[in-house]
């Protein structure tokens, strides 16, 4: 039987490793794996921080771009027009229909909810892009507008929640 294996696998002596060599190789491989395991979380942490910084920089460029500002301006203007139309309908129907009928209209509730969500997403983009500097900046005018933006968005969300809860 021994001769059979010798003929079948040329160089069979190279495949046989004595116990000392095997143990040394196993210990060396274990040490290498241990070193890699210790380095890997550090490398992953650095990669995650780098990816976060890249994403934050892209988001900041996007938020400060003229395209984003233009879209937000259009949303603000269209919201103002919508509020004017809603107010005019309420004024025209004063005495004919109750205020609750106009304000409780499903279309108005839906459109107000969409605007509130758009403004919330815009605020989240800005906060994510600027992080802590959104709340603590040396530019007092920007700080005022940032806090006013937060107040308006929270107020609109509260209004949407209350209107939906009452309806």
Foldseek 3Di string as FASTA:
>chain_A
DVVVVCVVDPPVVVVDDDPVVVVVVVVVVVVVVVVCVVVVVVVVVVVVVVVLVVVLQVLLCVLPDPVNVVVVVVLVVVVVVVVVVLVVVCVVCVVVDDNCVSCLDPVNLVVLVVSLVVLVVSLVSVCSNCPPCQCPPPPVVSNVVSVVSVVVSVVSVVVSVVSVVVD
